[in-house]
Amino acid sequence: MTAFVLGNGISREQISIDVLLSCGSVYACNGVYRTHQVTALIATDTPISQEIQESKYSLNNRFYTRRPIPGLGALPVPKEYFGFSSGPIATAIAVKDHHRNIYLLGFDMGPDVNGKFNNIFASTKFYKEIGAPPTFTGNWTKQLIKVIEDNPQHNFIRVQGSTTASVPDFAKLKNLTHLPLATFLIRINNKKDL
């Protein structure tokens, strides 16, 4: 089974979530709930997590957070990844759901092409403004490495677009490969070789 885990880097702008949902399970973070119902949604930052739960999204959809509000349907994040950020937790949940091939989309791990904040939701509620300084991604890198190293029997494929940073520490991971965005788009649009 194939899973698609969505980070919110702008390299995934060309990728249709609806097409992904037709090809496999989709795990996403934070602001994705505004437009899509996905296989599982994860949010660890308190303000957006509260908004998601209060919107009633979590009553009808699988939603994970660190401190669920009682009665609103949210699930607690896996204990072993409690302190992790949303993207690495989403990846871990895809593993727990027994997906063998896990595509990482929008895991840019760096600034945009202008050296600024790289997020598809920039300038919307709970997010920094377009043109803001980039977010530090060192913790995300360490956390993602931990999830991948913990699960050597799974295949992780990081899709790389023009804003996807090179991460030297990923080179040591035998079960992580990289795929150009153009190649991924051909695969997903033809629903082949996933």
N, C-alpha and C. Protein backbone atom coordinates (compact mmCIF):
# COMPACT_ATOMS: atom_id res chain seq x y z
N MET A 1 0.83 -1.19 0.00
CA MET A 1 0.00 0.00 0.00
C MET A 1 0.87 1.25 0.00
N THR A 2 0.41 2.27 -0.67
CA THR A 2 1.17 3.50 -0.80
C THR A 2 0.57 4.60 0.07
N ALA A 3 1.45 5.37 0.70
CA ALA A 3 1.03 6.52 1.50
C ALA A 3 1.75 7.76 1.00
N PHE A 4 1.06 8.88 1.12
CA PHE A 4 1.62 10.18 0.76
C PHE A 4 1.55 11.05 2.01
N VAL A 5 2.71 11.51 2.46
CA VAL A 5 2.76 12.37 3.65
C VAL A 5 3.08 13.78 3.17
N LEU A 6 2.22 14.72 3.54
CA LEU A 6 2.37 16.09 3.07
C LEU A 6 3.00 16.99 4.11
N GLY A 7 4.22 17.44 3.82
CA GLY A 7 4.74 18.59 4.52
C GLY A 7 4.12 19.81 3.84
N ASN A 8 4.37 20.98 4.36
CA ASN A 8 3.74 22.15 3.78
C ASN A 8 4.70 23.07 3.03
N GLY A 9 5.82 22.52 2.57
CA GLY A 9 6.72 23.28 1.73
C GLY A 9 6.09 23.56 0.38
N ILE A 10 6.48 24.65 -0.24
CA ILE A 10 5.82 25.05 -1.48
C ILE A 10 6.18 24.17 -2.67
N SER A 11 7.11 23.24 -2.51
CA SER A 11 7.42 22.32 -3.62
C SER A 11 6.23 21.43 -3.96
N ARG A 12 5.25 21.34 -3.09
CA ARG A 12 4.10 20.48 -3.38
C ARG A 12 2.93 21.23 -4.02
N GLU A 13 3.13 22.48 -4.36
CA GLU A 13 2.04 23.28 -4.95
C GLU A 13 1.44 22.67 -6.21
N GLN A 14 2.25 21.98 -7.00
CA GLN A 14 1.76 21.40 -8.26
C GLN A 14 1.07 20.05 -8.07
N ILE A 15 1.04 19.54 -6.85
CA ILE A 15 0.52 18.20 -6.59
C ILE A 15 -0.92 18.30 -6.10
N SER A 16 -1.83 17.63 -6.77
CA SER A 16 -3.24 17.64 -6.39
C SER A 16 -3.50 16.65 -5.26
N ILE A 17 -4.01 17.14 -4.16
CA ILE A 17 -4.36 16.26 -3.04
C ILE A 17 -5.46 15.30 -3.47
N ASP A 18 -6.40 15.76 -4.29
CA ASP A 18 -7.47 14.88 -4.76
C ASP A 18 -6.91 13.71 -5.56
N VAL A 19 -5.91 13.96 -6.41
CA VAL A 19 -5.29 12.88 -7.16
C VAL A 19 -4.58 11.92 -6.21
N LEU A 20 -3.89 12.46 -5.21
CA LEU A 20 -3.22 11.59 -4.23
C LEU A 20 -4.22 10.70 -3.52
N LEU A 21 -5.35 11.26 -3.12
CA LEU A 21 -6.38 10.48 -2.43
C LEU A 21 -6.92 9.35 -3.30
N SER A 22 -6.88 9.53 -4.61
CA SER A 22 -7.36 8.48 -5.51
C SER A 22 -6.32 7.37 -5.70
N CYS A 23 -5.09 7.63 -5.23
CA CYS A 23 -3.98 6.67 -5.43
C CYS A 23 -3.51 5.99 -4.16
N GLY A 24 -3.92 6.49 -3.00
CA GLY A 24 -3.43 5.91 -1.75
C GLY A 24 -3.92 6.71 -0.56
N SER A 25 -3.30 6.49 0.57
CA SER A 25 -3.65 7.19 1.81
C SER A 25 -2.85 8.48 1.91
N VAL A 26 -3.49 9.53 2.42
CA VAL A 26 -2.84 10.84 2.53
C VAL A 26 -2.80 11.27 4.00
N TYR A 27 -1.60 11.58 4.46
CA TYR A 27 -1.36 12.06 5.82
C TYR A 27 -0.88 13.50 5.71
N ALA A 28 -1.53 14.40 6.41
CA ALA A 28 -1.23 15.82 6.21
C ALA A 28 -1.19 16.55 7.54
N CYS A 29 -0.80 17.82 7.48
CA CYS A 29 -0.57 18.60 8.69
C CYS A 29 -1.30 19.95 8.65
N ASN A 30 -1.75 20.34 9.81
CA ASN A 30 -2.21 21.70 10.07
C ASN A 30 -3.25 22.21 9.09
N GLY A 31 -2.91 23.24 8.31
CA GLY A 31 -3.88 23.96 7.50
C GLY A 31 -4.55 23.17 6.39
N VAL A 32 -4.11 21.96 6.11
CA VAL A 32 -4.73 21.15 5.05
C VAL A 32 -6.22 20.93 5.36
N TYR A 33 -6.58 20.93 6.64
CA TYR A 33 -7.98 20.67 7.00
C TYR A 33 -8.94 21.71 6.43
N ARG A 34 -8.41 22.87 6.05
CA ARG A 34 -9.26 23.93 5.50
C ARG A 34 -9.86 23.55 4.15
N THR A 35 -9.19 22.67 3.43
CA THR A 35 -9.64 22.34 2.08
C THR A 35 -9.91 20.86 1.83
N HIS A 36 -9.35 19.98 2.66
CA HIS A 36 -9.46 18.54 2.37
C HIS A 36 -9.68 17.70 3.62
N GLN A 37 -10.38 16.60 3.43
CA GLN A 37 -10.48 15.55 4.43
C GLN A 37 -9.50 14.47 3.99
N VAL A 38 -8.51 14.22 4.83
CA VAL A 38 -7.45 13.28 4.47
C VAL A 38 -7.52 12.05 5.36
N THR A 39 -6.69 11.07 5.06
CA THR A 39 -6.67 9.82 5.84
C THR A 39 -6.39 10.11 7.31
N ALA A 40 -5.42 10.96 7.57
CA ALA A 40 -5.12 11.39 8.94
C ALA A 40 -4.49 12.77 8.88
N LEU A 41 -4.90 13.62 9.81
CA LEU A 41 -4.37 14.98 9.93
C LEU A 41 -3.65 15.08 11.27
N ILE A 42 -2.54 15.80 11.29
CA ILE A 42 -1.75 15.97 12.51
C ILE A 42 -1.47 17.45 12.71
N ALA A 43 -1.63 17.93 13.94
CA ALA A 43 -1.26 19.30 14.30
C ALA A 43 -0.75 19.28 15.73
N THR A 44 0.43 19.82 15.94
CA THR A 44 1.00 19.84 17.30
C THR A 44 0.99 21.22 17.93
N ASP A 45 0.95 22.27 17.13
CA ASP A 45 0.90 23.63 17.70
C ASP A 45 -0.49 23.87 18.29
N THR A 46 -0.52 24.35 19.53
CA THR A 46 -1.79 24.46 20.26
C THR A 46 -2.84 25.32 19.56
N PRO A 47 -2.54 26.53 19.06
CA PRO A 47 -3.62 27.34 18.49
C PRO A 47 -4.34 26.68 17.31
N ILE A 48 -3.59 26.14 16.36
CA ILE A 48 -4.25 25.53 15.21
C ILE A 48 -4.90 24.21 15.60
N SER A 49 -4.29 23.48 16.52
CA SER A 49 -4.89 22.24 16.99
C SER A 49 -6.26 22.50 17.64
N GLN A 50 -6.34 23.54 18.44
CA GLN A 50 -7.61 23.89 19.06
C GLN A 50 -8.64 24.29 18.02
N GLU A 51 -8.22 25.07 17.02
CA GLU A 51 -9.16 25.48 15.98
C GLU A 51 -9.70 24.28 15.20
N ILE A 52 -8.82 23.35 14.88
CA ILE A 52 -9.24 22.15 14.15
C ILE A 52 -10.29 21.39 14.96
N GLN A 53 -10.02 21.21 16.26
CA GLN A 53 -10.97 20.47 17.09
C GLN A 53 -12.29 21.23 17.26
N GLU A 54 -12.19 22.53 17.48
CA GLU A 54 -13.41 23.33 17.67
C GLU A 54 -14.23 23.45 16.39
N SER A 55 -13.59 23.24 15.23
CA SER A 55 -14.31 23.27 13.96
C SER A 55 -15.15 22.00 13.75
N LYS A 56 -14.94 21.03 14.62
CA LYS A 56 -15.61 19.71 14.56
C LYS A 56 -15.00 18.78 13.51
N TYR A 57 -13.92 19.22 12.86
CA TYR A 57 -13.23 18.34 11.89
C TYR A 57 -12.89 17.01 12.54
N SER A 58 -12.40 17.05 13.77
CA SER A 58 -11.92 15.85 14.45
C SER A 58 -13.04 14.91 14.88
N LEU A 59 -14.29 15.35 14.82
CA LEU A 59 -15.41 14.46 15.14
C LEU A 59 -15.70 13.51 13.98
N ASN A 60 -15.37 13.92 12.77
CA ASN A 60 -15.69 13.12 11.59
C ASN A 60 -14.47 12.64 10.82
N ASN A 61 -13.28 13.03 11.26
CA ASN A 61 -12.05 12.68 10.56
C ASN A 61 -10.97 12.32 11.58
N ARG A 62 -10.03 11.49 11.16
CA ARG A 62 -8.92 11.09 12.02
C ARG A 62 -7.98 12.28 12.20
N PHE A 63 -7.81 12.71 13.44
CA PHE A 63 -6.97 13.85 13.76
C PHE A 63 -6.16 13.56 15.01
N TYR A 64 -4.85 13.80 14.95
CA TYR A 64 -3.93 13.56 16.06
C TYR A 64 -3.33 14.87 16.56
N THR A 65 -3.22 14.98 17.87
CA THR A 65 -2.56 16.12 18.48
C THR A 65 -1.97 15.69 19.82
N ARG A 66 -1.17 16.55 20.43
CA ARG A 66 -0.53 16.18 21.69
C ARG A 66 -1.52 16.13 22.86
N ARG A 67 -2.40 17.09 22.92
CA ARG A 67 -3.34 17.17 24.05
C ARG A 67 -4.77 17.33 23.52
N PRO A 68 -5.42 16.20 23.19
CA PRO A 68 -6.77 16.27 22.65
C PRO A 68 -7.74 16.93 23.64
N ILE A 69 -8.66 17.71 23.10
CA ILE A 69 -9.72 18.30 23.92
C ILE A 69 -10.79 17.22 24.09
N PRO A 70 -11.15 16.86 25.32
CA PRO A 70 -12.13 15.80 25.53
C PRO A 70 -13.44 16.07 24.79
N GLY A 71 -13.97 15.01 24.19
CA GLY A 71 -15.26 15.09 23.54
C GLY A 71 -15.26 15.60 22.11
N LEU A 72 -14.08 15.96 21.58
CA LEU A 72 -14.05 16.51 20.22
C LEU A 72 -13.41 15.55 19.21
N GLY A 73 -13.16 14.31 19.64
CA GLY A 73 -12.76 13.26 18.70
C GLY A 73 -11.29 13.13 18.37
N ALA A 74 -10.45 14.02 18.85
CA ALA A 74 -9.03 13.96 18.50
C ALA A 74 -8.35 12.78 19.20
N LEU A 75 -7.31 12.27 18.57
CA LEU A 75 -6.52 11.16 19.10
C LEU A 75 -5.16 11.68 19.57
N PRO A 76 -4.59 11.03 20.60
CA PRO A 76 -3.25 11.45 21.03
C PRO A 76 -2.18 10.95 20.07
N VAL A 77 -1.13 11.75 19.86
CA VAL A 77 -0.03 11.30 19.00
C VAL A 77 0.65 10.10 19.66
N PRO A 78 1.30 9.24 18.88
CA PRO A 78 2.00 8.10 19.46
C PRO A 78 3.00 8.55 20.53
N LYS A 79 3.00 7.86 21.65
CA LYS A 79 3.83 8.27 22.80
C LYS A 79 5.30 8.41 22.44
N GLU A 80 5.82 7.50 21.62
CA GLU A 80 7.25 7.54 21.33
C GLU A 80 7.64 8.75 20.49
N TYR A 81 6.65 9.41 19.90
CA TYR A 81 6.93 10.60 19.08
C TYR A 81 6.23 11.84 19.64
N PHE A 82 5.91 11.83 20.91
CA PHE A 82 5.12 12.91 21.53
C PHE A 82 5.73 14.29 21.31
N GLY A 83 7.04 14.42 21.45
CA GLY A 83 7.69 15.72 21.32
C GLY A 83 8.04 16.13 19.90
N PHE A 84 7.69 15.30 18.94
CA PHE A 84 8.04 15.58 17.55
C PHE A 84 7.10 16.60 16.93
N SER A 85 7.50 17.12 15.78
CA SER A 85 6.68 18.06 15.01
C SER A 85 5.69 17.29 14.14
N SER A 86 4.77 18.04 13.55
CA SER A 86 3.65 17.41 12.83
C SER A 86 4.09 16.52 11.67
N GLY A 87 5.01 17.00 10.81
CA GLY A 87 5.42 16.20 9.65
C GLY A 87 6.05 14.87 10.01
N PRO A 88 7.03 14.84 10.92
CA PRO A 88 7.58 13.55 11.34
C PRO A 88 6.54 12.64 12.00
N ILE A 89 5.62 13.22 12.78
CA ILE A 89 4.56 12.40 13.38
C ILE A 89 3.67 11.82 12.30
N ALA A 90 3.30 12.63 11.30
CA ALA A 90 2.48 12.12 10.20
C ALA A 90 3.17 10.95 9.50
N THR A 91 4.48 11.06 9.33
CA THR A 91 5.26 9.97 8.72
C THR A 91 5.19 8.72 9.59
N ALA A 92 5.34 8.88 10.90
CA ALA A 92 5.28 7.75 11.83
C ALA A 92 3.90 7.09 11.81
N ILE A 93 2.85 7.86 11.69
CA ILE A 93 1.50 7.29 11.67
C ILE A 93 1.28 6.52 10.37
N ALA A 94 1.82 7.01 9.25
CA ALA A 94 1.74 6.26 7.99
C ALA A 94 2.42 4.90 8.14
N VAL A 95 3.54 4.86 8.86
CA VAL A 95 4.23 3.59 9.13
C VAL A 95 3.34 2.69 9.99
N LYS A 96 2.77 3.25 11.04
CA LYS A 96 1.92 2.46 11.94
C LYS A 96 0.69 1.89 11.23
N ASP A 97 0.28 2.56 10.15
CA ASP A 97 -0.84 2.07 9.34
C ASP A 97 -0.39 1.03 8.31
N HIS A 98 0.85 0.58 8.41
CA HIS A 98 1.40 -0.53 7.62
C HIS A 98 1.61 -0.22 6.13
N HIS A 99 1.90 1.01 5.82
CA HIS A 99 2.24 1.35 4.44
C HIS A 99 3.71 1.02 4.19
N ARG A 100 3.99 0.34 3.10
CA ARG A 100 5.37 -0.05 2.79
C ARG A 100 6.11 1.05 2.04
N ASN A 101 5.42 1.73 1.13
CA ASN A 101 6.02 2.80 0.36
C ASN A 101 5.42 4.12 0.80
N ILE A 102 6.27 5.00 1.30
CA ILE A 102 5.79 6.26 1.87
C ILE A 102 6.49 7.42 1.17
N TYR A 103 5.71 8.19 0.42
CA TYR A 103 6.22 9.35 -0.29
C TYR A 103 6.15 10.58 0.62
N LEU A 104 7.21 11.33 0.67
CA LEU A 104 7.29 12.57 1.45
C LEU A 104 7.22 13.74 0.48
N LEU A 105 6.16 14.51 0.55
CA LEU A 105 5.92 15.61 -0.38
C LEU A 105 5.92 16.93 0.38
N GLY A 106 6.61 17.93 -0.13
CA GLY A 106 6.64 19.21 0.55
C GLY A 106 7.51 19.23 1.79
N PHE A 107 8.39 18.25 1.94
CA PHE A 107 9.36 18.23 3.04
C PHE A 107 10.60 18.99 2.54
N ASP A 108 10.46 20.29 2.35
CA ASP A 108 11.51 21.08 1.71
C ASP A 108 12.73 21.30 2.59
N MET A 109 12.55 21.40 3.88
CA MET A 109 13.64 21.51 4.85
C MET A 109 14.58 22.67 4.57
N GLY A 110 14.03 23.76 4.12
CA GLY A 110 14.85 24.93 3.87
C GLY A 110 14.01 26.09 3.38
N PRO A 111 14.63 27.23 3.09
CA PRO A 111 13.89 28.41 2.65
C PRO A 111 13.40 28.28 1.21
N ASP A 112 12.59 29.26 0.79
CA ASP A 112 12.17 29.30 -0.61
C ASP A 112 13.32 29.79 -1.48
N VAL A 113 13.08 29.99 -2.76
CA VAL A 113 14.16 30.37 -3.67
C VAL A 113 14.75 31.74 -3.37
N ASN A 114 14.02 32.54 -2.59
CA ASN A 114 14.50 33.87 -2.19
C ASN A 114 15.09 33.88 -0.78
N GLY A 115 15.25 32.69 -0.20
CA GLY A 115 15.81 32.60 1.15
C GLY A 115 14.84 32.99 2.25
N LYS A 116 13.53 32.91 1.95
CA LYS A 116 12.50 33.33 2.90
C LYS A 116 11.66 32.14 3.36
N PHE A 117 10.69 32.43 4.23
CA PHE A 117 9.76 31.44 4.79
C PHE A 117 9.15 30.60 3.67
N ASN A 118 9.28 29.30 3.80
CA ASN A 118 8.83 28.36 2.77
C ASN A 118 7.66 27.56 3.32
N ASN A 119 6.45 28.04 3.04
CA ASN A 119 5.26 27.32 3.50
C ASN A 119 4.09 27.66 2.60
N ILE A 120 3.40 26.65 2.18
CA ILE A 120 2.27 26.81 1.27
C ILE A 120 1.14 27.65 1.89
N PHE A 121 1.11 27.72 3.23
CA PHE A 121 0.07 28.48 3.93
C PHE A 121 0.56 29.84 4.43
N ALA A 122 1.70 30.30 3.95
CA ALA A 122 2.23 31.60 4.39
C ALA A 122 1.18 32.69 4.22
N SER A 123 1.15 33.60 5.20
CA SER A 123 0.22 34.74 5.23
C SER A 123 -1.23 34.35 5.48
N THR A 124 -1.46 33.14 6.01
CA THR A 124 -2.80 32.77 6.46
C THR A 124 -2.76 32.61 7.98
N LYS A 125 -3.92 32.47 8.58
CA LYS A 125 -4.02 32.38 10.04
C LYS A 125 -3.10 31.29 10.59
N PHE A 126 -2.36 31.64 11.65
CA PHE A 126 -1.42 30.77 12.37
C PHE A 126 -0.07 30.58 11.66
N TYR A 127 0.14 31.22 10.52
CA TYR A 127 1.39 31.07 9.79
C TYR A 127 2.09 32.42 9.64
N LYS A 128 3.43 32.37 9.50
CA LYS A 128 4.19 33.59 9.26
C LYS A 128 3.84 34.17 7.90
N GLU A 129 4.17 35.44 7.74
CA GLU A 129 3.87 36.15 6.50
C GLU A 129 4.83 35.73 5.37
N ILE A 130 4.35 35.85 4.14
CA ILE A 130 5.23 35.69 2.98
C ILE A 130 6.37 36.70 3.12
N GLY A 131 7.58 36.26 2.89
CA GLY A 131 8.74 37.14 3.01
C GLY A 131 9.37 37.15 4.39
N ALA A 132 8.76 36.42 5.34
CA ALA A 132 9.34 36.32 6.69
C ALA A 132 10.62 35.48 6.63
N PRO A 133 11.48 35.61 7.65
CA PRO A 133 12.67 34.76 7.69
C PRO A 133 12.29 33.28 7.70
N PRO A 134 13.15 32.43 7.17
CA PRO A 134 12.83 31.00 7.12
C PRO A 134 12.78 30.38 8.51
N THR A 135 12.05 29.30 8.61
CA THR A 135 11.95 28.54 9.85
C THR A 135 13.16 27.62 9.96
N PHE A 136 13.71 27.47 11.17
CA PHE A 136 14.80 26.52 11.42
C PHE A 136 14.25 25.10 11.24
N THR A 137 14.94 24.28 10.47
CA THR A 137 14.44 22.94 10.17
C THR A 137 15.28 21.81 10.76
N GLY A 138 16.28 22.16 11.56
CA GLY A 138 17.16 21.13 12.12
C GLY A 138 16.43 20.08 12.94
N ASN A 139 15.46 20.50 13.73
CA ASN A 139 14.71 19.54 14.54
C ASN A 139 13.89 18.61 13.66
N TRP A 140 13.27 19.17 12.61
CA TRP A 140 12.48 18.32 11.70
C TRP A 140 13.36 17.27 11.07
N THR A 141 14.57 17.68 10.67
CA THR A 141 15.51 16.74 10.04
C THR A 141 15.84 15.60 11.00
N LYS A 142 16.22 15.93 12.23
CA LYS A 142 16.57 14.90 13.22
C LYS A 142 15.40 13.97 13.50
N GLN A 143 14.20 14.55 13.61
CA GLN A 143 13.02 13.74 13.92
C GLN A 143 12.67 12.81 12.76
N LEU A 144 12.77 13.31 11.56
CA LEU A 144 12.47 12.48 10.40
C LEU A 144 13.48 11.35 10.26
N ILE A 145 14.74 11.64 10.50
CA ILE A 145 15.78 10.60 10.48
C ILE A 145 15.45 9.52 11.50
N LYS A 146 15.02 9.90 12.68
CA LYS A 146 14.67 8.93 13.73
C LYS A 146 13.53 8.02 13.26
N VAL A 147 12.48 8.59 12.69
CA VAL A 147 11.35 7.79 12.21
C VAL A 147 11.81 6.82 11.12
N ILE A 148 12.62 7.30 10.19
CA ILE A 148 13.08 6.45 9.09
C ILE A 148 14.02 5.36 9.60
N GLU A 149 14.93 5.70 10.50
CA GLU A 149 15.84 4.69 11.06
C GLU A 149 15.09 3.66 11.89
N ASP A 150 14.03 4.07 12.56
CA ASP A 150 13.23 3.14 13.37
C ASP A 150 12.47 2.12 12.53
N ASN A 151 12.37 2.37 11.22
CA ASN A 151 11.52 1.54 10.37
C ASN A 151 12.24 1.12 9.09
N PRO A 152 13.30 0.31 9.23
CA PRO A 152 14.12 -0.06 8.07
C PRO A 152 13.39 -0.91 7.03
N GLN A 153 12.27 -1.53 7.41
CA GLN A 153 11.53 -2.38 6.47
C GLN A 153 10.59 -1.58 5.57
N HIS A 154 10.51 -0.28 5.77
CA HIS A 154 9.66 0.59 4.96
C HIS A 154 10.53 1.40 3.99
N ASN A 155 9.94 1.74 2.84
CA ASN A 155 10.62 2.54 1.83
C ASN A 155 10.09 3.97 1.88
N PHE A 156 10.98 4.92 2.02
CA PHE A 156 10.61 6.34 2.06
C PHE A 156 11.16 7.01 0.82
N ILE A 157 10.31 7.76 0.13
CA ILE A 157 10.71 8.43 -1.10
C ILE A 157 10.44 9.92 -0.92
N ARG A 158 11.49 10.73 -0.91
CA ARG A 158 11.33 12.18 -0.75
C ARG A 158 11.28 12.82 -2.12
N VAL A 159 10.16 13.45 -2.43
CA VAL A 159 9.98 14.10 -3.72
C VAL A 159 10.62 15.48 -3.66
N GLN A 160 11.46 15.78 -4.65
CA GLN A 160 12.24 17.01 -4.64
C GLN A 160 11.81 17.97 -5.74
N GLY A 161 11.41 19.18 -5.34
CA GLY A 161 11.09 20.24 -6.28
C GLY A 161 12.17 21.31 -6.23
N SER A 162 11.89 22.46 -6.83
CA SER A 162 12.90 23.52 -6.93
C SER A 162 13.21 24.15 -5.57
N THR A 163 12.35 24.01 -4.58
CA THR A 163 12.60 24.59 -3.26
C THR A 163 12.97 23.54 -2.22
N THR A 164 13.22 22.31 -2.66
CA THR A 164 13.59 21.24 -1.73
C THR A 164 15.09 21.30 -1.46
N ALA A 165 15.45 21.50 -0.21
CA ALA A 165 16.85 21.62 0.17
C ALA A 165 17.55 20.26 0.17
N SER A 166 18.82 20.29 -0.14
CA SER A 166 19.65 19.10 0.02
C SER A 166 19.98 18.97 1.50
N VAL A 167 19.79 17.76 2.04
CA VAL A 167 20.05 17.51 3.46
C VAL A 167 21.12 16.43 3.54
N PRO A 168 22.38 16.79 3.77
CA PRO A 168 23.47 15.81 3.79
C PRO A 168 23.23 14.64 4.75
N ASP A 169 22.60 14.90 5.89
CA ASP A 169 22.36 13.84 6.87
C ASP A 169 21.44 12.74 6.34
N PHE A 170 20.66 13.03 5.30
CA PHE A 170 19.77 12.01 4.75
C PHE A 170 20.54 10.94 3.97
N ALA A 171 21.78 11.25 3.56
CA ALA A 171 22.55 10.32 2.72
C ALA A 171 22.82 9.00 3.43
N LYS A 172 22.84 8.99 4.75
CA LYS A 172 23.15 7.76 5.48
C LYS A 172 21.96 6.80 5.58
N LEU A 173 20.78 7.25 5.17
CA LEU A 173 19.57 6.44 5.31
C LEU A 173 19.41 5.52 4.11
N LYS A 174 19.55 4.22 4.34
CA LYS A 174 19.51 3.26 3.25
C LYS A 174 18.10 3.07 2.69
N ASN A 175 17.08 3.39 3.49
CA ASN A 175 15.70 3.18 3.04
C ASN A 175 15.01 4.50 2.66
N LEU A 176 15.81 5.54 2.39
CA LEU A 176 15.29 6.80 1.88
C LEU A 176 15.91 7.08 0.53
N THR A 177 15.06 7.27 -0.48
CA THR A 177 15.53 7.66 -1.80
C THR A 177 14.89 9.01 -2.17
N HIS A 178 15.41 9.61 -3.22
CA HIS A 178 14.90 10.90 -3.67
C HIS A 178 14.39 10.77 -5.10
N LEU A 179 13.33 11.52 -5.39
CA LEU A 179 12.69 11.44 -6.69
C LEU A 179 12.37 12.85 -7.17
N PRO A 180 12.78 13.21 -8.39
CA PRO A 180 12.44 14.55 -8.89
C PRO A 180 10.92 14.73 -9.00
N LEU A 181 10.47 15.93 -8.73
CA LEU A 181 9.05 16.24 -8.79
C LEU A 181 8.46 15.89 -10.15
N ALA A 182 9.16 16.21 -11.23
CA ALA A 182 8.63 15.94 -12.57
C ALA A 182 8.35 14.45 -12.78
N THR A 183 9.25 13.60 -12.28
CA THR A 183 9.05 12.15 -12.39
C THR A 183 7.87 11.71 -11.55
N PHE A 184 7.75 12.27 -10.34
CA PHE A 184 6.63 11.92 -9.48
C PHE A 184 5.30 12.30 -10.14
N LEU A 185 5.24 13.49 -10.74
CA LEU A 185 4.00 13.94 -11.37
C LEU A 185 3.59 13.00 -12.51
N ILE A 186 4.55 12.50 -13.26
CA ILE A 186 4.24 11.53 -14.32
C ILE A 186 3.66 10.26 -13.70
N ARG A 187 4.30 9.80 -12.64
CA ARG A 187 3.83 8.58 -11.97
C ARG A 187 2.42 8.74 -11.42
N ILE A 188 2.19 9.83 -10.73
CA ILE A 188 0.91 10.02 -10.05
C ILE A 188 -0.21 10.29 -11.06
N ASN A 189 0.09 11.03 -12.10
CA ASN A 189 -0.95 11.34 -13.08
C ASN A 189 -1.33 10.13 -13.94
N ASN A 190 -0.38 9.19 -14.08
CA ASN A 190 -0.65 7.95 -14.80
C ASN A 190 -1.02 6.80 -13.87
N LYS A 191 -0.92 7.08 -12.54
CA LYS A 191 -1.22 6.06 -11.51
C LYS A 191 -0.41 4.78 -11.76
N LYS A 192 0.89 4.98 -12.08
CA LYS A 192 1.77 3.84 -12.35
C LYS A 192 3.03 3.95 -11.51
N ASP A 193 3.62 2.79 -11.25
CA ASP A 193 4.93 2.70 -10.60
C ASP A 193 4.97 3.38 -9.24
N LEU A 194 3.87 3.35 -8.51
CA LEU A 194 3.87 3.99 -7.19
C LEU A 194 4.33 3.01 -6.14
